[in-house]
Amino acid sequence: MSEFLRPEEGISNIEGAPELNLEREDCERTATFIRHPSTRLAEAMQQGTMETPWDEIEDKIKIQRGPGHEMSKLLANHLLEEIPQLIDVKGSAESYMISSSPLPRAEAIARYVNQHIIEEHKMHPGYPLPINRDVQLNSNFREIPIGHTKGQLAVMLGKIQQEGKPITAILEEWFKSDPEYIASLFEEGRVRVLEGLAQLEHSPAWMNLVFTHRMITGLTTWLIEREDKQRPIEAQDLPGIMEHTRILANTSETEIGLSKGVWHVLRRGETPHLDESLRKGVF
């Protein structure tokens, strides 16, 4: 098993979030949402026309060569160390499952990690395998669609570049571009997330690794900490969702735990396997 980088201090609860008093071992279920590595954004921007819906391009985007591949290796080695520790918190081996968004960038890293687990088990038969053995695809944690054309995003990109902001700041411009419409996209996501959380609640595994995306993860933690989860999402909710979203770096881990039928956020946006040079994707 490869040695991994020492953990760095994780991101604390964002301002206004409730204080955490729940221990992992007290949970009936846990789930760790893992954001995919950095992608070939510049390459994707060369595809299609200005009228092409961006989601048609982004849904096929691949993991970035170089930094993205390095993130993948570090994440896989880190998870090989972390999985036995996470499933053994109750003093006995507990089962786990691996699932992924069906989008290629998430599925690719999920299968990459799963292959590392299989190889580790071959070398060390006592290493725990997931009970599903293969990656299970779950559309409930598919990314929130952008809903804009490539041309609309190109205008936003030009604006933030003129202002000297990092490329990741384009998401902040997107959140503000058409609040009513953006809220409708997150409302569709709210319904999916609640369905996904219900599935996780009844998962046969105590721990679930979910390979997914930034905005759907941010929406999930925001929704968990929201009192009225059944109220439709409105434009006024977007700033709060954005605050949960902006801190989630590439390959970051966000863990939730189920206690007495209620989900809680245990940790958010942690990247113990990355040094600062590879901790990318926040805005």
C-alpha atoms as a PDB file:
ATOM      1  CA  MET A   1       0.000   0.000   0.000  1.00  0.00           C
ATOM      2  CA  SER A   2       1.521   3.312  -1.034  1.00  0.00           C
ATOM      3  CA  GLU A   3       2.376   5.954   1.556  1.00  0.00           C
ATOM      4  CA  PHE A   4       0.209   9.065   1.213  1.00  0.00           C
ATOM      5  CA  LEU A   5       0.699  12.680   2.178  1.00  0.00           C
ATOM      6  CA  ARG A   6      -0.035  13.659   5.770  1.00  0.00           C
ATOM      7  CA  PRO A   7      -3.519  15.083   6.381  1.00  0.00           C
ATOM      8  CA  GLU A   8      -3.939  18.818   6.375  1.00  0.00           C
ATOM      9  CA  GLU A   9      -6.422  20.621   8.546  1.00  0.00           C
ATOM     10  CA  GLY A  10      -9.879  20.229   7.023  1.00  0.00           C
ATOM     11  CA  ILE A  11     -12.304  23.041   6.310  1.00  0.00           C
ATOM     12  CA  SER A  12     -14.403  23.853   9.369  1.00  0.00           C
ATOM     13  CA  ASN A  13     -18.144  24.353   9.237  1.00  0.00           C
ATOM     14  CA  ILE A  14     -19.028  27.378   7.136  1.00  0.00           C
ATOM     15  CA  GLU A  15     -20.397  30.433   8.887  1.00  0.00           C
ATOM     16  CA  GLY A  16     -23.923  29.912  10.166  1.00  0.00           C
ATOM     17  CA  ALA A  17     -23.795  26.104  10.008  1.00  0.00           C
ATOM     18  CA  PRO A  18     -24.755  24.214  13.174  1.00  0.00           C
ATOM     19  CA  GLU A  19     -21.948  22.916  15.369  1.00  0.00           C
ATOM     20  CA  LEU A  20     -21.151  19.246  14.911  1.00  0.00           C
ATOM     21  CA  ASN A  21     -21.673  17.037  17.962  1.00  0.00           C
ATOM     22  CA  LEU A  22     -22.034  13.688  16.213  1.00  0.00           C
ATOM     23  CA  GLU A  23     -19.343  11.012  16.055  1.00  0.00           C
ATOM     24  CA  ARG A  24     -19.017   8.709  13.054  1.00  0.00           C
ATOM     25  CA  GLU A  25     -19.369   5.580  15.193  1.00  0.00           C
ATOM     26  CA  ASP A  26     -22.774   6.808  16.418  1.00  0.00           C
ATOM     27  CA  CYS A  27     -24.177   6.787  12.873  1.00  0.00           C
ATOM     28  CA  GLU A  28     -26.435   4.128  11.397  1.00  0.00           C
ATOM     29  CA  ARG A  29     -25.126   4.912   7.902  1.00  0.00           C
ATOM     30  CA  THR A  30     -22.394   7.104   6.473  1.00  0.00           C
ATOM     31  CA  ALA A  31     -21.702   8.384   2.975  1.00  0.00           C
ATOM     32  CA  THR A  32     -18.616  10.146   1.652  1.00  0.00           C
ATOM     33  CA  PHE A  33     -19.090  12.304  -1.450  1.00  0.00           C
ATOM     34  CA  ILE A  34     -15.888  12.569  -3.503  1.00  0.00           C
ATOM     35  CA  ARG A  35     -15.549  15.214  -6.177  1.00  0.00           C
ATOM     36  CA  HIS A  36     -13.815  14.130  -9.385  1.00  0.00           C
ATOM     37  CA  PRO A  37     -10.320  15.433 -10.351  1.00  0.00           C
ATOM     38  CA  SER A  38      -9.689  18.537 -12.476  1.00  0.00           C
ATOM     39  CA  THR A  39     -10.861  18.229 -16.071  1.00  0.00           C
ATOM     40  CA  ARG A  40      -9.768  19.232 -19.568  1.00  0.00           C
ATOM     41  CA  LEU A  41     -11.727  22.478 -19.543  1.00  0.00           C
ATOM     42  CA  ALA A  42      -9.573  24.297 -22.099  1.00  0.00           C
ATOM     43  CA  GLU A  43      -9.914  21.326 -24.460  1.00  0.00           C
ATOM     44  CA  ALA A  44     -13.676  21.268 -23.956  1.00  0.00           C
ATOM     45  CA  MET A  45     -13.951  24.976 -24.803  1.00  0.00           C
ATOM     46  CA  GLN A  46     -12.628  24.164 -28.300  1.00  0.00           C
ATOM     47  CA  GLN A  47     -15.578  21.865 -28.993  1.00  0.00           C
ATOM     48  CA  GLY A  48     -18.978  22.748 -30.401  1.00  0.00           C
ATOM     49  CA  THR A  49     -20.189  26.172 -31.506  1.00  0.00           C
ATOM     50  CA  MET A  50     -21.226  29.201 -29.482  1.00  0.00           C
ATOM     51  CA  GLU A  51     -24.828  27.952 -29.764  1.00  0.00           C
ATOM     52  CA  THR A  52     -24.025  24.463 -28.418  1.00  0.00           C
ATOM     53  CA  PRO A  53     -25.597  23.802 -24.994  1.00  0.00           C
ATOM     54  CA  TRP A  54     -22.656  23.663 -22.576  1.00  0.00           C
ATOM     55  CA  ASP A  55     -24.033  20.543 -20.864  1.00  0.00           C
ATOM     56  CA  GLU A  56     -23.657  18.594 -24.127  1.00  0.00           C
ATOM     57  CA  ILE A  57     -19.936  19.354 -23.968  1.00  0.00           C
ATOM     58  CA  GLU A  58     -19.408  19.139 -20.209  1.00  0.00           C
ATOM     59  CA  ASP A  59     -21.220  15.814 -19.831  1.00  0.00           C
ATOM     60  CA  LYS A  60     -18.439  14.213 -21.919  1.00  0.00           C
ATOM     61  CA  ILE A  61     -15.479  16.100 -20.467  1.00  0.00           C
ATOM     62  CA  LYS A  62     -12.496  13.980 -19.386  1.00  0.00           C
ATOM     63  CA  ILE A  63     -10.047  14.127 -16.500  1.00  0.00           C
ATOM     64  CA  GLN A  64      -7.150  16.513 -17.046  1.00  0.00           C
ATOM     65  CA  ARG A  65      -3.790  15.059 -17.999  1.00  0.00           C
ATOM     66  CA  GLY A  66      -1.011  15.860 -15.546  1.00  0.00           C
ATOM     67  CA  PRO A  67      -2.621  17.449 -12.456  1.00  0.00           C
ATOM     68  CA  GLY A  68      -5.878  15.508 -12.818  1.00  0.00           C
ATOM     69  CA  HIS A  69      -4.056  12.208 -13.137  1.00  0.00           C
ATOM     70  CA  GLU A  70      -1.823  13.065 -10.171  1.00  0.00           C
ATOM     71  CA  MET A  71      -4.908  13.854  -8.093  1.00  0.00           C
ATOM     72  CA  SER A  72      -6.348  10.475  -9.104  1.00  0.00           C
ATOM     73  CA  LYS A  73      -3.252   8.591  -7.951  1.00  0.00           C
ATOM     74  CA  LEU A  74      -3.048  10.434  -4.639  1.00  0.00           C
ATOM     75  CA  LEU A  75      -6.765   9.936  -4.012  1.00  0.00           C
ATOM     76  CA  ALA A  76      -6.606   6.203  -4.755  1.00  0.00           C
ATOM     77  CA  ASN A  77      -3.644   5.702  -2.399  1.00  0.00           C
ATOM     78  CA  HIS A  78      -5.347   7.791   0.279  1.00  0.00           C
ATOM     79  CA  LEU A  79      -8.601   5.826   0.028  1.00  0.00           C
ATOM     80  CA  LEU A  80      -6.732   2.524   0.253  1.00  0.00           C
ATOM     81  CA  GLU A  81      -5.503   3.717   3.637  1.00  0.00           C
ATOM     82  CA  GLU A  82      -8.760   5.342   4.700  1.00  0.00           C
ATOM     83  CA  ILE A  83     -11.350   2.686   3.825  1.00  0.00           C
ATOM     84  CA  PRO A  84     -10.318   0.074   6.452  1.00  0.00           C
ATOM     85  CA  GLN A  85     -10.193   2.812   9.099  1.00  0.00           C
ATOM     86  CA  LEU A  86     -13.636   4.132   8.202  1.00  0.00           C
ATOM     87  CA  ILE A  87     -15.403   0.774   8.128  1.00  0.00           C
ATOM     88  CA  ASP A  88     -13.741  -0.416  11.337  1.00  0.00           C
ATOM     89  CA  VAL A  89     -14.826   2.446  13.597  1.00  0.00           C
ATOM     90  CA  LYS A  90     -17.340   0.256  15.419  1.00  0.00           C
ATOM     91  CA  GLY A  91     -14.737  -2.330  16.307  1.00  0.00           C
ATOM     92  CA  SER A  92     -15.716  -4.799  13.623  1.00  0.00           C
ATOM     93  CA  ALA A  93     -15.490  -4.782   9.849  1.00  0.00           C
ATOM     94  CA  GLU A  94     -18.554  -3.112   8.347  1.00  0.00           C
ATOM     95  CA  SER A  95     -19.573  -3.378   4.688  1.00  0.00           C
ATOM     96  CA  TYR A  96     -19.238  -0.600   2.148  1.00  0.00           C
ATOM     97  CA  MET A  97     -20.379   0.187  -1.387  1.00  0.00           C
ATOM     98  CA  ILE A  98     -19.080   2.328  -4.239  1.00  0.00           C
ATOM     99  CA  SER A  99     -21.391   4.354  -6.462  1.00  0.00           C
ATOM    100  CA  SER A 100     -20.901   7.103  -9.014  1.00  0.00           C
ATOM    101  CA  SER A 101     -22.621   9.741 -11.034  1.00  0.00           C
ATOM    102  CA  PRO A 102     -22.993   8.395 -14.597  1.00  0.00           C
ATOM    103  CA  LEU A 103     -20.977  11.292 -16.059  1.00  0.00           C
ATOM    104  CA  PRO A 104     -17.595  10.080 -17.433  1.00  0.00           C
ATOM    105  CA  ARG A 105     -15.373  12.255 -15.229  1.00  0.00           C
ATOM    106  CA  ALA A 106     -16.920  10.837 -12.042  1.00  0.00           C
ATOM    107  CA  GLU A 107     -17.325   7.260 -13.281  1.00  0.00           C
ATOM    108  CA  ALA A 108     -13.702   7.155 -14.495  1.00  0.00           C
ATOM    109  CA  ILE A 109     -12.241   8.010 -11.073  1.00  0.00           C
ATOM    110  CA  ALA A 110     -14.675   5.648  -9.332  1.00  0.00           C
ATOM    111  CA  ARG A 111     -13.588   2.735 -11.522  1.00  0.00           C
ATOM    112  CA  TYR A 112      -9.930   3.723 -11.142  1.00  0.00           C
ATOM    113  CA  VAL A 113     -10.221   3.597  -7.339  1.00  0.00           C
ATOM    114  CA  ASN A 114     -12.221   0.369  -7.476  1.00  0.00           C
ATOM    115  CA  GLN A 115      -9.480  -1.245  -9.560  1.00  0.00           C
ATOM    116  CA  HIS A 116      -6.885  -0.208  -6.974  1.00  0.00           C
ATOM    117  CA  ILE A 117      -9.030  -1.838  -4.289  1.00  0.00           C
ATOM    118  CA  ILE A 118      -9.269  -5.080  -6.286  1.00  0.00           C
ATOM    119  CA  GLU A 119      -5.510  -5.137  -6.833  1.00  0.00           C
ATOM    120  CA  GLU A 120      -4.875  -4.457  -3.148  1.00  0.00           C
ATOM    121  CA  HIS A 121      -7.156  -7.372  -2.243  1.00  0.00           C
ATOM    122  CA  LYS A 122      -5.256  -9.665  -4.601  1.00  0.00           C
ATOM    123  CA  MET A 123      -1.973  -8.788  -2.878  1.00  0.00           C
ATOM    124  CA  HIS A 124      -3.489  -8.763   0.619  1.00  0.00           C
ATOM    125  CA  PRO A 125      -6.610 -11.031   0.706  1.00  0.00           C
ATOM    126  CA  GLY A 126      -7.689  -9.577   4.032  1.00  0.00           C
ATOM    127  CA  TYR A 127      -8.254  -6.169   2.470  1.00  0.00           C
ATOM    128  CA  PRO A 128     -12.035  -5.452   2.473  1.00  0.00           C
ATOM    129  CA  LEU A 129     -13.828  -5.432  -0.871  1.00  0.00           C
ATOM    130  CA  PRO A 130     -17.034  -3.448  -1.492  1.00  0.00           C
ATOM    131  CA  ILE A 131     -20.109  -5.640  -1.270  1.00  0.00           C
ATOM    132  CA  ASN A 132     -21.199  -4.674  -4.784  1.00  0.00           C
ATOM    133  CA  ARG A 133     -17.692  -5.483  -6.181  1.00  0.00           C
ATOM    134  CA  ASP A 134     -18.280  -3.070  -9.080  1.00  0.00           C
ATOM    135  CA  VAL A 135     -19.227   0.599  -9.358  1.00  0.00           C
ATOM    136  CA  GLN A 136     -22.956   1.236  -9.171  1.00  0.00           C
ATOM    137  CA  LEU A 137     -24.194   4.227 -11.215  1.00  0.00           C
ATOM    138  CA  ASN A 138     -26.618   6.606  -9.513  1.00  0.00           C
ATOM    139  CA  SER A 139     -28.240   9.449 -11.461  1.00  0.00           C
ATOM    140  CA  ASN A 140     -29.539  11.083  -8.277  1.00  0.00           C
ATOM    141  CA  PHE A 141     -26.057  12.510  -7.725  1.00  0.00           C
ATOM    142  CA  ARG A 142     -25.464  13.578 -11.315  1.00  0.00           C
ATOM    143  CA  GLU A 143     -24.211  17.175 -11.534  1.00  0.00           C
ATOM    144  CA  ILE A 144     -26.574  20.160 -11.655  1.00  0.00           C
ATOM    145  CA  PRO A 145     -26.857  21.162 -15.339  1.00  0.00           C
ATOM    146  CA  ILE A 146     -25.540  24.582 -16.372  1.00  0.00           C
ATOM    147  CA  GLY A 147     -28.416  25.256 -18.784  1.00  0.00           C
ATOM    148  CA  HIS A 148     -26.459  27.892 -20.769  1.00  0.00           C
ATOM    149  CA  THR A 149     -24.866  27.806 -24.190  1.00  0.00           C
ATOM    150  CA  LYS A 150     -21.118  27.735 -24.706  1.00  0.00           C
ATOM    151  CA  GLY A 151     -21.374  31.323 -25.978  1.00  0.00           C
ATOM    152  CA  GLN A 152     -23.057  32.545 -22.797  1.00  0.00           C
ATOM    153  CA  LEU A 153     -20.317  30.963 -20.696  1.00  0.00           C
ATOM    154  CA  ALA A 154     -17.637  32.432 -22.975  1.00  0.00           C
ATOM    155  CA  VAL A 155     -18.994  35.922 -22.208  1.00  0.00           C
ATOM    156  CA  MET A 156     -18.825  35.197 -18.466  1.00  0.00           C
ATOM    157  CA  LEU A 157     -15.316  33.826 -18.845  1.00  0.00           C
ATOM    158  CA  GLY A 158     -14.172  36.959 -20.676  1.00  0.00           C
ATOM    159  CA  LYS A 159     -15.606  39.120 -17.875  1.00  0.00           C
ATOM    160  CA  ILE A 160     -13.794  37.356 -15.045  1.00  0.00           C
ATOM    161  CA  GLN A 161     -10.539  37.291 -17.011  1.00  0.00           C
ATOM    162  CA  GLN A 162     -10.771  41.070 -17.493  1.00  0.00           C
ATOM    163  CA  GLU A 163     -11.285  41.399 -13.735  1.00  0.00           C
ATOM    164  CA  GLY A 164      -8.221  39.248 -13.062  1.00  0.00           C
ATOM    165  CA  LYS A 165     -10.210  36.534 -11.296  1.00  0.00           C
ATOM    166  CA  PRO A 166      -9.381  32.791 -11.465  1.00  0.00           C
ATOM    167  CA  ILE A 167     -11.288  30.713 -13.997  1.00  0.00           C
ATOM    168  CA  THR A 168     -13.219  28.979 -11.211  1.00  0.00           C
ATOM    169  CA  ALA A 169     -14.920  32.324 -10.470  1.00  0.00           C
ATOM    170  CA  ILE A 170     -17.052  31.714 -13.555  1.00  0.00           C
ATOM    171  CA  LEU A 171     -19.406  29.754 -11.297  1.00  0.00           C
ATOM    172  CA  GLU A 172     -20.071  32.843  -9.209  1.00  0.00           C
ATOM    173  CA  GLU A 173     -21.017  34.714 -12.387  1.00  0.00           C
ATOM    174  CA  TRP A 174     -23.238  31.793 -13.382  1.00  0.00           C
ATOM    175  CA  PHE A 175     -25.054  31.817 -10.033  1.00  0.00           C
ATOM    176  CA  LYS A 176     -25.858  35.517 -10.554  1.00  0.00           C
ATOM    177  CA  SER A 177     -26.659  35.349 -14.291  1.00  0.00           C
ATOM    178  CA  ASP A 178     -30.354  34.407 -14.145  1.00  0.00           C
ATOM    179  CA  PRO A 179     -31.343  33.656 -10.536  1.00  0.00           C
ATOM    180  CA  GLU A 180     -34.884  32.446 -11.217  1.00  0.00           C
ATOM    181  CA  TYR A 181     -33.717  30.019 -13.898  1.00  0.00           C
ATOM    182  CA  ILE A 182     -30.697  28.823 -11.897  1.00  0.00           C
ATOM    183  CA  ALA A 183     -32.996  28.216  -8.912  1.00  0.00           C
ATOM    184  CA  SER A 184     -35.204  26.003 -11.105  1.00  0.00           C
ATOM    185  CA  LEU A 185     -32.163  23.859 -11.966  1.00  0.00           C
ATOM    186  CA  PHE A 186     -31.320  23.443  -8.286  1.00  0.00           C
ATOM    187  CA  GLU A 187     -34.961  22.678  -7.514  1.00  0.00           C
ATOM    188  CA  GLU A 188     -34.797  19.723  -9.891  1.00  0.00           C
ATOM    189  CA  GLY A 189     -31.593  18.756  -8.114  1.00  0.00           C
ATOM    190  CA  ARG A 190     -33.281  19.034  -4.697  1.00  0.00           C
ATOM    191  CA  VAL A 191     -35.781  16.356  -5.682  1.00  0.00           C
ATOM    192  CA  ARG A 192     -32.984  14.078  -6.917  1.00  0.00           C
ATOM    193  CA  VAL A 193     -30.892  14.595  -3.791  1.00  0.00           C
ATOM    194  CA  LEU A 194     -33.776  13.731  -1.464  1.00  0.00           C
ATOM    195  CA  GLU A 195     -34.366  10.544  -3.457  1.00  0.00           C
ATOM    196  CA  GLY A 196     -30.648   9.760  -3.284  1.00  0.00           C
ATOM    197  CA  LEU A 197     -30.485  10.326   0.479  1.00  0.00           C
ATOM    198  CA  ALA A 198     -33.491   8.043   0.945  1.00  0.00           C
ATOM    199  CA  GLN A 199     -31.685   5.334  -1.024  1.00  0.00           C
ATOM    200  CA  LEU A 200     -28.550   5.778   1.084  1.00  0.00           C
ATOM    201  CA  GLU A 201     -30.645   5.544   4.242  1.00  0.00           C
ATOM    202  CA  HIS A 202     -31.697   2.039   3.198  1.00  0.00           C
ATOM    203  CA  SER A 203     -28.367   1.006   1.707  1.00  0.00           C
ATOM    204  CA  PRO A 204     -27.206  -2.514   2.658  1.00  0.00           C
ATOM    205  CA  ALA A 205     -23.793  -0.978   3.402  1.00  0.00           C
ATOM    206  CA  TRP A 206     -22.863   0.988   6.506  1.00  0.00           C
ATOM    207  CA  MET A 207     -20.482   3.187   4.484  1.00  0.00           C
ATOM    208  CA  ASN A 208     -21.040   4.438   0.940  1.00  0.00           C
ATOM    209  CA  LEU A 209     -18.428   6.094  -1.272  1.00  0.00           C
ATOM    210  CA  VAL A 210     -20.208   8.325  -3.791  1.00  0.00           C
ATOM    211  CA  PHE A 211     -18.083   9.721  -6.641  1.00  0.00           C
ATOM    212  CA  THR A 212     -19.776  12.839  -7.812  1.00  0.00           C
ATOM    213  CA  HIS A 213     -19.492  16.589  -8.488  1.00  0.00           C
ATOM    214  CA  ARG A 214     -19.138  19.937  -6.797  1.00  0.00           C
ATOM    215  CA  MET A 215     -22.556  21.612  -7.105  1.00  0.00           C
ATOM    216  CA  ILE A 216     -24.616  18.527  -6.315  1.00  0.00           C
ATOM    217  CA  THR A 217     -22.449  17.944  -3.225  1.00  0.00           C
ATOM    218  CA  GLY A 218     -22.819  21.567  -2.145  1.00  0.00           C
ATOM    219  CA  LEU A 219     -26.573  21.321  -2.639  1.00  0.00           C
ATOM    220  CA  THR A 220     -26.634  18.115  -0.565  1.00  0.00           C
ATOM    221  CA  THR A 221     -24.886  19.647   2.460  1.00  0.00           C
ATOM    222  CA  TRP A 222     -26.963  22.829   2.185  1.00  0.00           C
ATOM    223  CA  LEU A 223     -30.147  20.775   2.044  1.00  0.00           C
ATOM    224  CA  ILE A 224     -29.130  18.602   5.002  1.00  0.00           C
ATOM    225  CA  GLU A 225     -28.636  21.705   7.146  1.00  0.00           C
ATOM    226  CA  ARG A 226     -31.865  23.322   5.942  1.00  0.00           C
ATOM    227  CA  GLU A 227     -34.874  23.033   8.240  1.00  0.00           C
ATOM    228  CA  ASP A 228     -37.593  22.797   5.562  1.00  0.00           C
ATOM    229  CA  LYS A 229     -36.240  20.330   3.013  1.00  0.00           C
ATOM    230  CA  GLN A 230     -39.584  20.096   1.203  1.00  0.00           C
ATOM    231  CA  ARG A 231     -39.823  23.787   0.327  1.00  0.00           C
ATOM    232  CA  PRO A 232     -38.953  24.388  -3.345  1.00  0.00           C
ATOM    233  CA  ILE A 233     -35.678  26.197  -3.961  1.00  0.00           C
ATOM    234  CA  GLU A 234     -35.997  29.872  -4.845  1.00  0.00           C
ATOM    235  CA  ALA A 235     -33.597  32.524  -6.092  1.00  0.00           C
ATOM    236  CA  GLN A 236     -33.076  33.790  -2.544  1.00  0.00           C
ATOM    237  CA  ASP A 237     -31.522  30.408  -1.649  1.00  0.00           C
ATOM    238  CA  LEU A 238     -28.722  30.612  -4.221  1.00  0.00           C
ATOM    239  CA  PRO A 239     -26.176  32.586  -2.116  1.00  0.00           C
ATOM    240  CA  GLY A 240     -26.369  29.944   0.629  1.00  0.00           C
ATOM    241  CA  ILE A 241     -25.973  27.091  -1.841  1.00  0.00           C
ATOM    242  CA  MET A 242     -23.020  28.881  -3.442  1.00  0.00           C
ATOM    243  CA  GLU A 243     -21.251  29.141  -0.068  1.00  0.00           C
ATOM    244  CA  HIS A 244     -21.534  25.368   0.355  1.00  0.00           C
ATOM    245  CA  THR A 245     -20.309  24.870  -3.210  1.00  0.00           C
ATOM    246  CA  ARG A 246     -17.329  27.219  -3.460  1.00  0.00           C
ATOM    247  CA  ILE A 247     -15.193  25.394  -0.832  1.00  0.00           C
ATOM    248  CA  LEU A 248     -15.224  21.992  -2.568  1.00  0.00           C
ATOM    249  CA  ALA A 249     -11.876  21.383  -4.232  1.00  0.00           C
ATOM    250  CA  ASN A 250     -11.167  18.669  -6.791  1.00  0.00           C
ATOM    251  CA  THR A 251     -11.083  15.179  -5.191  1.00  0.00           C
ATOM    252  CA  SER A 252     -12.264  16.627  -1.871  1.00  0.00           C
ATOM    253  CA  GLU A 253     -14.179  14.431   0.573  1.00  0.00           C
ATOM    254  CA  THR A 254     -17.455  15.461   2.186  1.00  0.00           C
ATOM    255  CA  GLU A 255     -18.899  12.994   4.685  1.00  0.00           C
ATOM    256  CA  ILE A 256     -22.442  12.763   6.030  1.00  0.00           C
ATOM    257  CA  GLY A 257     -23.843  10.487   8.719  1.00  0.00           C
ATOM    258  CA  LEU A 258     -27.342   9.208   9.490  1.00  0.00           C
ATOM    259  CA  SER A 259     -28.396   9.272  13.138  1.00  0.00           C
ATOM    260  CA  LYS A 260     -31.943   8.496  14.308  1.00  0.00           C
ATOM    261  CA  GLY A 261     -33.241   8.946  10.780  1.00  0.00           C
ATOM    262  CA  VAL A 262     -31.613  12.362  10.261  1.00  0.00           C
ATOM    263  CA  TRP A 263     -28.587  13.104   8.060  1.00  0.00           C
ATOM    264  CA  HIS A 264     -25.806  15.322   9.437  1.00  0.00           C
ATOM    265  CA  VAL A 265     -22.661  16.774   7.835  1.00  0.00           C
ATOM    266  CA  LEU A 266     -19.594  15.201   9.488  1.00  0.00           C
ATOM    267  CA  ARG A 267     -16.849  16.830   7.398  1.00  0.00           C
ATOM    268  CA  ARG A 268     -16.822  18.940   4.267  1.00  0.00           C
ATOM    269  CA  GLY A 269     -14.364  19.632   1.472  1.00  0.00           C
ATOM    270  CA  GLU A 270     -11.367  17.863   3.025  1.00  0.00           C
ATOM    271  CA  THR A 271      -8.283  17.103   0.920  1.00  0.00           C
ATOM    272  CA  PRO A 272      -5.841  15.294   3.243  1.00  0.00           C
ATOM    273  CA  HIS A 273      -4.135  13.646   0.261  1.00  0.00           C
ATOM    274  CA  LEU A 274      -3.254  16.875  -1.610  1.00  0.00           C
ATOM    275  CA  ASP A 275      -0.627  19.518  -1.005  1.00  0.00           C
ATOM    276  CA  GLU A 276      -1.491  23.152  -1.685  1.00  0.00           C
ATOM    277  CA  SER A 277      -0.159  23.053  -5.255  1.00  0.00           C
ATOM    278  CA  LEU A 278      -2.774  20.457  -6.221  1.00  0.00           C
ATOM    279  CA  ARG A 279      -5.645  21.747  -4.119  1.00  0.00           C
ATOM    280  CA  LYS A 280      -7.620  23.314  -6.976  1.00  0.00           C
ATOM    281  CA  GLY A 281     -11.195  24.050  -7.918  1.00  0.00           C
ATOM    282  CA  VAL A 282     -12.395  26.362  -5.141  1.00  0.00           C
ATOM    283  CA  PHE A 283     -13.681  29.844  -5.914  1.00  0.00           C
END
